[in-house]
Amino acid sequence: MTVFFSSKLTFLFLPEIWDALRAAADSDLALAQTIVDSAGIIVSSSDMTLCYDERGILYMTFPISCSTYHHFV
């Protein structure tokens, strides 16, 4: 089970990016990589807690309790 929290501000953050991050967090590694690549998300930390969209906006999530995501960076 993935714990996913988002504190999104609708005027700045794109809901599509949050949706893609949530879908990636709930997927296996290969599909997750495809999702973030397709959405133009830059994953800056191996646990997906720091991600950026193509505009350079930072999306912060809480750590995911799954060891498979350490291969993201």
C-alpha atoms as a PDB file:
ATOM      1  CA  MET A   1       0.000   0.000   0.000  1.00  0.00           C
ATOM      2  CA  THR A   2       1.358   3.366  -0.985  1.00  0.00           C
ATOM      3  CA  VAL A   3       0.978   6.347   1.276  1.00  0.00           C
ATOM      4  CA  PHE A   4       0.543   9.428  -0.866  1.00  0.00           C
ATOM      5  CA  PHE A   5      -0.073  12.930   0.416  1.00  0.00           C
ATOM      6  CA  SER A   6      -0.406  16.065  -1.612  1.00  0.00           C
ATOM      7  CA  SER A   7      -0.929  19.608  -0.484  1.00  0.00           C
ATOM      8  CA  LYS A   8      -1.611  21.127  -3.831  1.00  0.00           C
ATOM      9  CA  LEU A   9      -2.304  24.761  -4.508  1.00  0.00           C
ATOM     10  CA  THR A  10      -4.482  24.877  -7.587  1.00  0.00           C
ATOM     11  CA  PHE A  11      -3.225  28.246  -8.816  1.00  0.00           C
ATOM     12  CA  LEU A  12       0.372  27.055  -9.122  1.00  0.00           C
ATOM     13  CA  PHE A  13       0.508  23.275  -9.349  1.00  0.00           C
ATOM     14  CA  LEU A  14      -0.920  21.278 -12.213  1.00  0.00           C
ATOM     15  CA  PRO A  15      -3.384  18.604 -11.119  1.00  0.00           C
ATOM     16  CA  GLU A  16      -2.197  16.423 -14.021  1.00  0.00           C
ATOM     17  CA  ILE A  17       1.262  16.240 -12.447  1.00  0.00           C
ATOM     18  CA  TRP A  18      -0.178  15.185  -9.077  1.00  0.00           C
ATOM     19  CA  ASP A  19      -2.276  12.555 -10.850  1.00  0.00           C
ATOM     20  CA  ALA A  20       0.776  11.258 -12.720  1.00  0.00           C
ATOM     21  CA  LEU A  21       2.837  11.152  -9.510  1.00  0.00           C
ATOM     22  CA  ARG A  22       0.136   9.226  -7.734  1.00  0.00           C
ATOM     23  CA  ALA A  23      -0.210   6.776 -10.635  1.00  0.00           C
ATOM     24  CA  ALA A  24       3.571   6.301 -10.750  1.00  0.00           C
ATOM     25  CA  ALA A  25       3.720   5.696  -7.007  1.00  0.00           C
ATOM     26  CA  ASP A  26       1.089   2.982  -7.310  1.00  0.00           C
ATOM     27  CA  SER A  27       2.747   1.251 -10.299  1.00  0.00           C
ATOM     28  CA  ASP A  28       5.626  -1.124 -10.839  1.00  0.00           C
ATOM     29  CA  LEU A  29       8.985   0.398 -11.732  1.00  0.00           C
ATOM     30  CA  ALA A  30       8.760   0.079 -15.529  1.00  0.00           C
ATOM     31  CA  LEU A  31       5.288   1.598 -15.735  1.00  0.00           C
ATOM     32  CA  ALA A  32       6.171   4.291 -13.192  1.00  0.00           C
ATOM     33  CA  GLN A  33       9.170   5.346 -15.280  1.00  0.00           C
ATOM     34  CA  THR A  34       6.959   5.550 -18.379  1.00  0.00           C
ATOM     35  CA  ILE A  35       4.395   7.640 -16.520  1.00  0.00           C
ATOM     36  CA  VAL A  36       6.875  10.222 -15.228  1.00  0.00           C
ATOM     37  CA  ASP A  37       8.626  10.415 -18.601  1.00  0.00           C
ATOM     38  CA  SER A  38       5.330  10.910 -20.436  1.00  0.00           C
ATOM     39  CA  ALA A  39       4.192  13.609 -18.009  1.00  0.00           C
ATOM     40  CA  GLY A  40       7.494  15.484 -18.278  1.00  0.00           C
ATOM     41  CA  ILE A  41       8.275  14.998 -14.604  1.00  0.00           C
ATOM     42  CA  ILE A  42      11.857  15.255 -13.393  1.00  0.00           C
ATOM     43  CA  VAL A  43      12.405  13.008 -10.375  1.00  0.00           C
ATOM     44  CA  SER A  44      15.187  14.531  -8.265  1.00  0.00           C
ATOM     45  CA  SER A  45      15.247  12.098  -5.373  1.00  0.00           C
ATOM     46  CA  SER A  46      15.341   8.341  -5.380  1.00  0.00           C
ATOM     47  CA  ASP A  47      12.238   8.086  -3.177  1.00  0.00           C
ATOM     48  CA  MET A  48      10.156  10.443  -5.379  1.00  0.00           C
ATOM     49  CA  THR A  49       9.832  13.045  -2.638  1.00  0.00           C
ATOM     50  CA  LEU A  50      11.253  15.843  -4.826  1.00  0.00           C
ATOM     51  CA  CYS A  51       9.899  16.126  -8.352  1.00  0.00           C
ATOM     52  CA  TYR A  52       9.713  18.987 -10.827  1.00  0.00           C
ATOM     53  CA  ASP A  53       7.439  19.604 -13.768  1.00  0.00           C
ATOM     54  CA  GLU A  54       8.663  21.001 -17.099  1.00  0.00           C
ATOM     55  CA  ARG A  55       8.114  24.558 -15.812  1.00  0.00           C
ATOM     56  CA  GLY A  56      10.473  23.960 -12.897  1.00  0.00           C
ATOM     57  CA  ILE A  57       7.738  23.888 -10.258  1.00  0.00           C
ATOM     58  CA  LEU A  58       8.673  21.689  -7.287  1.00  0.00           C
ATOM     59  CA  TYR A  59       6.256  18.966  -6.206  1.00  0.00           C
ATOM     60  CA  MET A  60       7.018  17.505  -2.781  1.00  0.00           C
ATOM     61  CA  THR A  61       5.525  14.240  -1.615  1.00  0.00           C
ATOM     62  CA  PHE A  62       5.982  12.178   1.508  1.00  0.00           C
ATOM     63  CA  PRO A  63       8.275   9.143   1.303  1.00  0.00           C
ATOM     64  CA  ILE A  64       6.936   6.036  -0.332  1.00  0.00           C
ATOM     65  CA  SER A  65       7.380   2.858   1.632  1.00  0.00           C
ATOM     66  CA  CYS A  66       8.635   0.779  -1.254  1.00  0.00           C
ATOM     67  CA  SER A  67      12.246  -0.085  -2.008  1.00  0.00           C
ATOM     68  CA  THR A  68      11.772  -0.468  -5.778  1.00  0.00           C
ATOM     69  CA  TYR A  69      11.743   3.279  -6.372  1.00  0.00           C
ATOM     70  CA  HIS A  70      15.410   3.776  -5.489  1.00  0.00           C
ATOM     71  CA  HIS A  71      16.265   3.198  -9.178  1.00  0.00           C
ATOM     72  CA  PHE A  72      14.423   6.305 -10.384  1.00  0.00           C
ATOM     73  CA  VAL A  73      17.276   8.787 -10.397  1.00  0.00           C
END
